Amino acid sequence: MTRKQRRGVLIGTCLAVLGVAVGLVLYAMRDSIVFFYGPSDVAGMQMAPGQRFRLGGLVETGSVERGTGTTVRFVVTDGAKTLPVTFTGVLPDLFREGQGVITEGVLEPDGVFHADSVLAKHDENYMPPEVAAKLKEQGVWRDETGADGPGSKVN
């Protein structure tokens, strides 16, 4: 075997090993690549009780019930299906009815999703209050309609 042939065999073997490794990683991650499941997905897949996953959707209007201490019960919906959720802990500031939410936890046999973490989502128009105050100070703030806000500078 010539030197060039040995180099070709070595490169081919390395590529084959790398391909097998990537294939095994992708195969192992096939069920966890999805960021979250909606209530319709959970109902359609018949999730096993005790299986850990992320549930995403909108907090149904009128469903938030505050229990004793920091326990909160609410319903997550995707418009077609709903799923009741319980969470014990401090909710994020952006959490409210009608707002997007992603919860992580387990589905119990009673059909209630017990979350151990809650992430509130916001829309693309969100701006931190500090940034909005700074823009108002500089006089370049515009409200949602595009009109100049209070204290705006006119050139």
N, C-alpha and C. Protein backbone atom coordinates (compact mmCIF):
# COMPACT_ATOMS: atom_id res chain seq x y z
N MET A 1 0.84 -1.17 0.00
CA MET A 1 0.00 0.00 0.00
C MET A 1 0.89 1.24 0.00
N THR A 2 0.59 2.17 -0.87
CA THR A 2 1.39 3.38 -0.94
C THR A 2 0.96 4.35 0.16
N ARG A 3 1.79 5.34 0.33
CA ARG A 3 1.53 6.36 1.36
C ARG A 3 0.21 7.09 1.10
N LYS A 4 -0.07 7.38 -0.13
CA LYS A 4 -1.30 8.08 -0.51
C LYS A 4 -2.53 7.21 -0.22
N GLN A 5 -2.43 5.92 -0.47
CA GLN A 5 -3.54 5.01 -0.21
C GLN A 5 -3.81 4.87 1.29
N ARG A 6 -2.71 4.80 2.10
CA ARG A 6 -2.88 4.71 3.56
C ARG A 6 -3.57 5.96 4.10
N ARG A 7 -3.19 7.12 3.59
CA ARG A 7 -3.81 8.38 4.01
C ARG A 7 -5.29 8.38 3.65
N GLY A 8 -5.64 7.89 2.49
CA GLY A 8 -7.04 7.82 2.05
C GLY A 8 -7.85 6.88 2.93
N VAL A 9 -7.27 5.73 3.29
CA VAL A 9 -7.95 4.77 4.16
C VAL A 9 -8.15 5.39 5.55
N LEU A 10 -7.13 6.09 6.07
CA LEU A 10 -7.23 6.72 7.38
C LEU A 10 -8.32 7.80 7.39
N ILE A 11 -8.36 8.63 6.37
CA ILE A 11 -9.38 9.67 6.28
C ILE A 11 -10.77 9.05 6.13
N GLY A 12 -10.89 8.03 5.32
CA GLY A 12 -12.17 7.35 5.15
C GLY A 12 -12.66 6.71 6.45
N THR A 13 -11.75 6.08 7.20
CA THR A 13 -12.11 5.47 8.47
C THR A 13 -12.55 6.53 9.48
N CYS A 14 -11.83 7.62 9.55
CA CYS A 14 -12.20 8.72 10.46
C CYS A 14 -13.58 9.28 10.12
N LEU A 15 -13.86 9.47 8.85
CA LEU A 15 -15.17 9.98 8.45
C LEU A 15 -16.28 9.00 8.77
N ALA A 16 -16.00 7.71 8.61
CA ALA A 16 -17.01 6.69 8.94
C ALA A 16 -17.30 6.67 10.43
N VAL A 17 -16.25 6.74 11.26
CA VAL A 17 -16.43 6.76 12.72
C VAL A 17 -17.19 8.02 13.13
N LEU A 18 -16.84 9.16 12.56
CA LEU A 18 -17.54 10.41 12.87
C LEU A 18 -19.01 10.33 12.45
N GLY A 19 -19.29 9.75 11.31
CA GLY A 19 -20.67 9.59 10.85
C GLY A 19 -21.48 8.71 11.78
N VAL A 20 -20.89 7.61 12.23
CA VAL A 20 -21.58 6.72 13.17
C VAL A 20 -21.84 7.44 14.48
N ALA A 21 -20.87 8.21 14.99
CA ALA A 21 -21.04 8.95 16.24
C ALA A 21 -22.17 9.98 16.13
N VAL A 22 -22.21 10.72 15.04
CA VAL A 22 -23.28 11.71 14.83
C VAL A 22 -24.63 11.01 14.73
N GLY A 23 -24.67 9.89 14.03
CA GLY A 23 -25.92 9.13 13.92
C GLY A 23 -26.42 8.64 15.27
N LEU A 24 -25.53 8.15 16.12
CA LEU A 24 -25.92 7.69 17.45
C LEU A 24 -26.43 8.84 18.33
N VAL A 25 -25.78 9.99 18.25
CA VAL A 25 -26.23 11.15 19.03
C VAL A 25 -27.61 11.60 18.57
N LEU A 26 -27.82 11.69 17.28
CA LEU A 26 -29.13 12.10 16.76
C LEU A 26 -30.21 11.08 17.11
N TYR A 27 -29.88 9.81 17.08
CA TYR A 27 -30.84 8.77 17.44
C TYR A 27 -31.22 8.88 18.92
N ALA A 28 -30.25 9.16 19.78
CA ALA A 28 -30.51 9.30 21.22
C ALA A 28 -31.35 10.53 21.52
N MET A 29 -31.23 11.57 20.70
CA MET A 29 -31.94 12.83 20.95
C MET A 29 -33.24 12.95 20.17
N ARG A 30 -33.68 11.91 19.51
CA ARG A 30 -34.83 12.01 18.61
C ARG A 30 -36.09 12.51 19.29
N ASP A 31 -36.32 12.21 20.56
CA ASP A 31 -37.53 12.64 21.25
C ASP A 31 -37.35 13.94 22.01
N SER A 32 -36.12 14.37 22.23
CA SER A 32 -35.91 15.56 23.04
C SER A 32 -35.50 16.78 22.23
N ILE A 33 -35.54 16.70 20.93
CA ILE A 33 -35.17 17.84 20.09
C ILE A 33 -36.27 18.90 20.09
N VAL A 34 -37.51 18.52 20.30
CA VAL A 34 -38.62 19.47 20.32
C VAL A 34 -38.49 20.35 21.56
N PHE A 35 -38.70 21.66 21.41
CA PHE A 35 -38.57 22.58 22.53
C PHE A 35 -39.69 22.39 23.54
N PHE A 36 -40.91 22.21 23.06
CA PHE A 36 -42.03 21.95 23.96
C PHE A 36 -43.17 21.33 23.18
N TYR A 37 -44.10 20.73 23.91
CA TYR A 37 -45.31 20.16 23.33
C TYR A 37 -46.50 21.00 23.74
N GLY A 38 -47.48 21.14 22.86
CA GLY A 38 -48.73 21.82 23.19
C GLY A 38 -49.71 20.82 23.78
N PRO A 39 -50.80 21.30 24.39
CA PRO A 39 -51.79 20.38 24.95
C PRO A 39 -52.35 19.39 23.93
N SER A 40 -52.53 19.80 22.68
CA SER A 40 -53.01 18.88 21.64
C SER A 40 -51.99 17.78 21.36
N ASP A 41 -50.70 18.14 21.37
CA ASP A 41 -49.65 17.15 21.16
C ASP A 41 -49.64 16.12 22.29
N VAL A 42 -49.79 16.62 23.52
CA VAL A 42 -49.79 15.72 24.69
C VAL A 42 -50.96 14.76 24.61
N ALA A 43 -52.15 15.26 24.24
CA ALA A 43 -53.33 14.40 24.14
C ALA A 43 -53.16 13.39 23.00
N GLY A 44 -52.57 13.80 21.89
CA GLY A 44 -52.40 12.91 20.75
C GLY A 44 -51.33 11.86 20.95
N MET A 45 -50.32 12.17 21.74
CA MET A 45 -49.22 11.23 21.93
C MET A 45 -49.45 10.28 23.10
N GLN A 46 -50.47 10.52 23.90
CA GLN A 46 -50.73 9.68 25.06
C GLN A 46 -49.46 9.56 25.92
N MET A 47 -48.99 10.72 26.40
CA MET A 47 -47.78 10.77 27.23
C MET A 47 -47.95 9.89 28.46
N ALA A 48 -46.92 9.16 28.80
CA ALA A 48 -46.94 8.29 29.98
C ALA A 48 -46.84 9.13 31.25
N PRO A 49 -47.64 8.83 32.26
CA PRO A 49 -47.52 9.56 33.53
C PRO A 49 -46.11 9.43 34.10
N GLY A 50 -45.59 10.54 34.61
CA GLY A 50 -44.25 10.56 35.17
C GLY A 50 -43.17 10.91 34.18
N GLN A 51 -43.51 11.02 32.90
CA GLN A 51 -42.52 11.39 31.88
C GLN A 51 -42.28 12.89 31.91
N ARG A 52 -41.04 13.30 31.94
CA ARG A 52 -40.67 14.72 32.02
C ARG A 52 -40.65 15.33 30.61
N PHE A 53 -41.28 16.51 30.46
CA PHE A 53 -41.28 17.22 29.19
C PHE A 53 -41.65 18.68 29.43
N ARG A 54 -41.59 19.46 28.37
CA ARG A 54 -41.99 20.87 28.43
C ARG A 54 -43.35 21.03 27.77
N LEU A 55 -44.20 21.81 28.43
CA LEU A 55 -45.54 22.09 27.94
C LEU A 55 -45.62 23.57 27.61
N GLY A 56 -46.09 23.91 26.42
CA GLY A 56 -46.19 25.30 26.03
C GLY A 56 -47.56 25.64 25.49
N GLY A 57 -47.93 26.89 25.64
CA GLY A 57 -49.21 27.37 25.13
C GLY A 57 -49.55 28.70 25.77
N LEU A 58 -50.83 29.03 25.78
CA LEU A 58 -51.31 30.27 26.40
C LEU A 58 -52.00 29.95 27.71
N VAL A 59 -51.83 30.85 28.69
CA VAL A 59 -52.55 30.71 29.95
C VAL A 59 -53.99 31.10 29.68
N GLU A 60 -54.92 30.17 29.91
CA GLU A 60 -56.32 30.41 29.62
C GLU A 60 -56.88 31.52 30.51
N THR A 61 -57.63 32.43 29.91
CA THR A 61 -58.22 33.55 30.64
C THR A 61 -59.20 33.04 31.69
N GLY A 62 -59.04 33.53 32.92
CA GLY A 62 -59.92 33.17 34.02
C GLY A 62 -59.55 31.87 34.71
N SER A 63 -58.40 31.29 34.37
CA SER A 63 -58.06 29.99 34.92
C SER A 63 -57.05 30.05 36.07
N VAL A 64 -56.46 31.20 36.31
CA VAL A 64 -55.42 31.29 37.35
C VAL A 64 -56.06 31.31 38.73
N GLU A 65 -55.68 30.33 39.56
CA GLU A 65 -56.16 30.23 40.94
C GLU A 65 -54.96 30.16 41.86
N ARG A 66 -54.86 31.09 42.77
CA ARG A 66 -53.76 31.08 43.73
C ARG A 66 -54.18 30.30 44.96
N GLY A 67 -53.39 29.30 45.31
CA GLY A 67 -53.68 28.47 46.46
C GLY A 67 -52.95 28.98 47.69
N THR A 68 -52.78 28.10 48.65
CA THR A 68 -52.06 28.47 49.86
C THR A 68 -50.57 28.59 49.56
N GLY A 69 -49.94 29.56 50.18
CA GLY A 69 -48.52 29.78 49.96
C GLY A 69 -48.24 30.24 48.55
N THR A 70 -47.31 29.56 47.90
CA THR A 70 -46.93 29.96 46.54
C THR A 70 -47.47 29.00 45.48
N THR A 71 -48.46 28.19 45.83
CA THR A 71 -49.04 27.25 44.87
C THR A 71 -50.03 27.97 43.95
N VAL A 72 -49.87 27.74 42.67
CA VAL A 72 -50.73 28.36 41.66
C VAL A 72 -51.24 27.27 40.74
N ARG A 73 -52.53 27.36 40.41
CA ARG A 73 -53.13 26.45 39.45
C ARG A 73 -53.62 27.28 38.26
N PHE A 74 -53.37 26.79 37.07
CA PHE A 74 -53.84 27.46 35.87
C PHE A 74 -53.99 26.44 34.76
N VAL A 75 -54.58 26.85 33.67
CA VAL A 75 -54.82 25.97 32.53
C VAL A 75 -54.04 26.50 31.34
N VAL A 76 -53.33 25.61 30.66
CA VAL A 76 -52.60 25.96 29.44
C VAL A 76 -53.41 25.45 28.26
N THR A 77 -53.58 26.30 27.25
CA THR A 77 -54.38 25.95 26.07
C THR A 77 -53.61 26.29 24.80
N ASP A 78 -53.95 25.57 23.75
CA ASP A 78 -53.42 25.91 22.43
C ASP A 78 -54.55 26.26 21.47
N GLY A 79 -55.74 26.48 22.03
CA GLY A 79 -56.90 26.82 21.24
C GLY A 79 -57.78 25.62 20.95
N ALA A 80 -57.20 24.43 20.90
CA ALA A 80 -57.97 23.22 20.62
C ALA A 80 -58.15 22.38 21.89
N LYS A 81 -57.10 22.21 22.64
CA LYS A 81 -57.12 21.39 23.86
C LYS A 81 -56.60 22.22 25.03
N THR A 82 -56.92 21.76 26.24
CA THR A 82 -56.42 22.41 27.45
C THR A 82 -55.79 21.36 28.36
N LEU A 83 -54.90 21.82 29.24
CA LEU A 83 -54.27 20.93 30.20
C LEU A 83 -54.07 21.70 31.51
N PRO A 84 -54.62 21.19 32.63
CA PRO A 84 -54.44 21.87 33.91
C PRO A 84 -53.00 21.73 34.41
N VAL A 85 -52.50 22.80 35.03
CA VAL A 85 -51.12 22.85 35.51
C VAL A 85 -51.12 23.32 36.96
N THR A 86 -50.26 22.73 37.79
CA THR A 86 -50.01 23.24 39.13
C THR A 86 -48.54 23.58 39.23
N PHE A 87 -48.25 24.64 39.95
CA PHE A 87 -46.87 25.10 40.12
C PHE A 87 -46.72 25.66 41.52
N THR A 88 -45.66 25.28 42.20
CA THR A 88 -45.35 25.83 43.51
C THR A 88 -44.03 26.57 43.39
N GLY A 89 -44.07 27.87 43.63
CA GLY A 89 -42.88 28.70 43.52
C GLY A 89 -43.26 30.11 43.11
N VAL A 90 -42.25 30.89 42.79
CA VAL A 90 -42.46 32.28 42.39
C VAL A 90 -42.61 32.33 40.87
N LEU A 91 -43.71 32.91 40.43
CA LEU A 91 -43.95 33.03 38.99
C LEU A 91 -43.15 34.19 38.41
N PRO A 92 -42.79 34.12 37.14
CA PRO A 92 -42.09 35.24 36.49
C PRO A 92 -42.97 36.48 36.41
N ASP A 93 -42.35 37.64 36.32
CA ASP A 93 -43.08 38.91 36.26
C ASP A 93 -44.01 38.99 35.06
N LEU A 94 -43.65 38.39 33.94
CA LEU A 94 -44.45 38.48 32.73
C LEU A 94 -45.62 37.50 32.70
N PHE A 95 -45.76 36.65 33.73
CA PHE A 95 -46.83 35.66 33.77
C PHE A 95 -48.17 36.35 33.98
N ARG A 96 -49.13 36.08 33.10
CA ARG A 96 -50.51 36.58 33.26
C ARG A 96 -51.41 35.81 32.31
N GLU A 97 -52.71 35.96 32.51
CA GLU A 97 -53.69 35.28 31.67
C GLU A 97 -53.59 35.79 30.24
N GLY A 98 -53.73 34.88 29.30
CA GLY A 98 -53.66 35.23 27.89
C GLY A 98 -52.25 35.35 27.36
N GLN A 99 -51.25 35.18 28.21
CA GLN A 99 -49.85 35.32 27.82
C GLN A 99 -49.25 33.94 27.52
N GLY A 100 -48.27 33.89 26.65
CA GLY A 100 -47.59 32.64 26.34
C GLY A 100 -46.76 32.17 27.52
N VAL A 101 -46.69 30.84 27.69
CA VAL A 101 -45.95 30.27 28.81
C VAL A 101 -45.36 28.93 28.40
N ILE A 102 -44.20 28.62 28.95
CA ILE A 102 -43.60 27.30 28.79
C ILE A 102 -43.31 26.78 30.19
N THR A 103 -43.84 25.60 30.50
CA THR A 103 -43.63 24.99 31.80
C THR A 103 -42.88 23.69 31.63
N GLU A 104 -42.09 23.34 32.63
CA GLU A 104 -41.35 22.08 32.57
C GLU A 104 -41.69 21.27 33.80
N GLY A 105 -42.01 20.00 33.59
CA GLY A 105 -42.37 19.15 34.71
C GLY A 105 -42.82 17.78 34.24
N VAL A 106 -43.75 17.17 35.01
CA VAL A 106 -44.22 15.82 34.70
C VAL A 106 -45.74 15.78 34.69
N LEU A 107 -46.29 14.90 33.88
CA LEU A 107 -47.72 14.67 33.82
C LEU A 107 -48.04 13.55 34.79
N GLU A 108 -48.91 13.84 35.74
CA GLU A 108 -49.28 12.86 36.76
C GLU A 108 -50.44 11.99 36.27
N PRO A 109 -50.68 10.85 36.91
CA PRO A 109 -51.77 9.96 36.48
C PRO A 109 -53.16 10.62 36.55
N ASP A 110 -53.31 11.66 37.41
CA ASP A 110 -54.60 12.34 37.52
C ASP A 110 -54.86 13.30 36.35
N GLY A 111 -53.92 13.38 35.41
CA GLY A 111 -54.09 14.23 34.23
C GLY A 111 -53.67 15.68 34.44
N VAL A 112 -53.07 15.98 35.58
CA VAL A 112 -52.61 17.34 35.88
C VAL A 112 -51.10 17.39 35.65
N PHE A 113 -50.65 18.44 34.99
CA PHE A 113 -49.23 18.65 34.75
C PHE A 113 -48.64 19.38 35.95
N HIS A 114 -47.70 18.76 36.65
CA HIS A 114 -47.06 19.38 37.81
C HIS A 114 -45.73 19.99 37.36
N ALA A 115 -45.72 21.31 37.27
CA ALA A 115 -44.54 22.03 36.77
C ALA A 115 -43.60 22.36 37.91
N ASP A 116 -42.30 22.27 37.62
CA ASP A 116 -41.31 22.73 38.60
C ASP A 116 -40.59 23.98 38.12
N SER A 117 -40.86 24.42 36.89
CA SER A 117 -40.36 25.70 36.41
C SER A 117 -41.35 26.27 35.39
N VAL A 118 -41.47 27.59 35.39
CA VAL A 118 -42.39 28.30 34.49
C VAL A 118 -41.62 29.43 33.84
N LEU A 119 -41.70 29.50 32.52
CA LEU A 119 -41.09 30.58 31.75
C LEU A 119 -42.21 31.33 31.03
N ALA A 120 -42.29 32.63 31.25
CA ALA A 120 -43.30 33.43 30.55
C ALA A 120 -42.67 33.98 29.28
N LYS A 121 -43.41 33.90 28.19
CA LYS A 121 -42.93 34.42 26.92
C LYS A 121 -43.54 35.80 26.69
N HIS A 122 -42.84 36.62 25.93
CA HIS A 122 -43.37 37.94 25.58
C HIS A 122 -43.31 38.11 24.07
N ASP A 123 -44.04 39.11 23.60
CA ASP A 123 -44.06 39.31 22.15
C ASP A 123 -42.84 40.12 21.71
N GLU A 124 -42.73 40.29 20.40
CA GLU A 124 -41.56 40.98 19.86
C GLU A 124 -41.55 42.47 20.14
N ASN A 125 -42.66 43.03 20.64
CA ASN A 125 -42.72 44.45 20.95
C ASN A 125 -42.27 44.76 22.37
N TYR A 126 -41.88 43.75 23.14
CA TYR A 126 -41.49 43.96 24.52
C TYR A 126 -40.23 44.83 24.60
N MET A 127 -40.24 45.73 25.57
CA MET A 127 -39.09 46.57 25.81
C MET A 127 -38.93 46.71 27.32
N PRO A 128 -37.75 46.44 27.88
CA PRO A 128 -37.57 46.59 29.32
C PRO A 128 -37.93 48.01 29.77
N PRO A 129 -38.53 48.16 30.97
CA PRO A 129 -38.95 49.47 31.45
C PRO A 129 -37.82 50.48 31.52
N GLU A 130 -36.61 50.01 31.86
CA GLU A 130 -35.47 50.94 31.95
C GLU A 130 -35.14 51.54 30.59
N VAL A 131 -35.21 50.73 29.54
CA VAL A 131 -34.92 51.21 28.19
C VAL A 131 -36.01 52.20 27.75
N ALA A 132 -37.28 51.87 28.04
CA ALA A 132 -38.38 52.77 27.67
C ALA A 132 -38.23 54.11 28.39
N ALA A 133 -37.86 54.09 29.68
CA ALA A 133 -37.68 55.35 30.44
C ALA A 133 -36.53 56.17 29.85
N LYS A 134 -35.45 55.51 29.48
CA LYS A 134 -34.31 56.21 28.90
C LYS A 134 -34.69 56.84 27.56
N LEU A 135 -35.46 56.12 26.75
CA LEU A 135 -35.90 56.69 25.47
C LEU A 135 -36.82 57.88 25.68
N LYS A 136 -37.68 57.80 26.71
CA LYS A 136 -38.56 58.94 27.02
C LYS A 136 -37.74 60.15 27.44
N GLU A 137 -36.69 59.92 28.24
CA GLU A 137 -35.81 61.02 28.67
C GLU A 137 -35.14 61.69 27.48
N GLN A 138 -34.71 60.88 26.52
CA GLN A 138 -34.03 61.41 25.35
C GLN A 138 -34.99 62.01 24.34
N GLY A 139 -36.29 61.79 24.54
CA GLY A 139 -37.28 62.38 23.66
C GLY A 139 -37.48 61.64 22.36
N VAL A 140 -37.09 60.39 22.29
CA VAL A 140 -37.27 59.64 21.05
C VAL A 140 -38.28 58.52 21.22
N TRP A 141 -39.03 58.51 22.30
CA TRP A 141 -40.02 57.46 22.56
C TRP A 141 -41.20 57.59 21.63
N ARG A 142 -41.65 56.48 21.08
CA ARG A 142 -42.86 56.42 20.27
C ARG A 142 -43.74 55.34 20.86
N ASP A 143 -45.05 55.62 20.99
CA ASP A 143 -45.95 54.60 21.54
C ASP A 143 -46.31 53.59 20.46
N GLU A 144 -47.24 52.68 20.78
CA GLU A 144 -47.59 51.60 19.85
C GLU A 144 -48.15 52.11 18.53
N THR A 145 -48.79 53.28 18.53
CA THR A 145 -49.39 53.79 17.30
C THR A 145 -48.38 54.49 16.42
N GLY A 146 -47.14 54.69 16.93
CA GLY A 146 -46.13 55.37 16.15
C GLY A 146 -46.10 56.87 16.40
N ALA A 147 -47.04 57.38 17.21
CA ALA A 147 -47.05 58.80 17.51
C ALA A 147 -45.96 59.12 18.51
N ASP A 148 -45.46 60.36 18.46
CA ASP A 148 -44.44 60.77 19.42
C ASP A 148 -45.02 60.72 20.82
N GLY A 149 -44.22 60.23 21.73
CA GLY A 149 -44.63 60.16 23.13
C GLY A 149 -44.43 61.49 23.81
N PRO A 150 -44.78 61.55 25.10
CA PRO A 150 -44.61 62.80 25.82
C PRO A 150 -43.16 63.20 25.88
N GLY A 151 -42.92 64.49 25.76
CA GLY A 151 -41.57 65.02 25.86
C GLY A 151 -40.74 64.78 24.62
N SER A 152 -41.38 64.45 23.50
CA SER A 152 -40.59 64.13 22.31
C SER A 152 -40.07 65.41 21.68
N LYS A 153 -38.95 65.28 21.02
CA LYS A 153 -38.32 66.41 20.35
C LYS A 153 -38.81 66.47 18.92
N VAL A 154 -39.10 67.65 18.48
CA VAL A 154 -39.53 67.82 17.09
C VAL A 154 -38.42 68.55 16.37
N ASN A 155 -37.92 67.98 15.29
CA ASN A 155 -36.82 68.59 14.54
C ASN A 155 -37.33 69.45 13.43
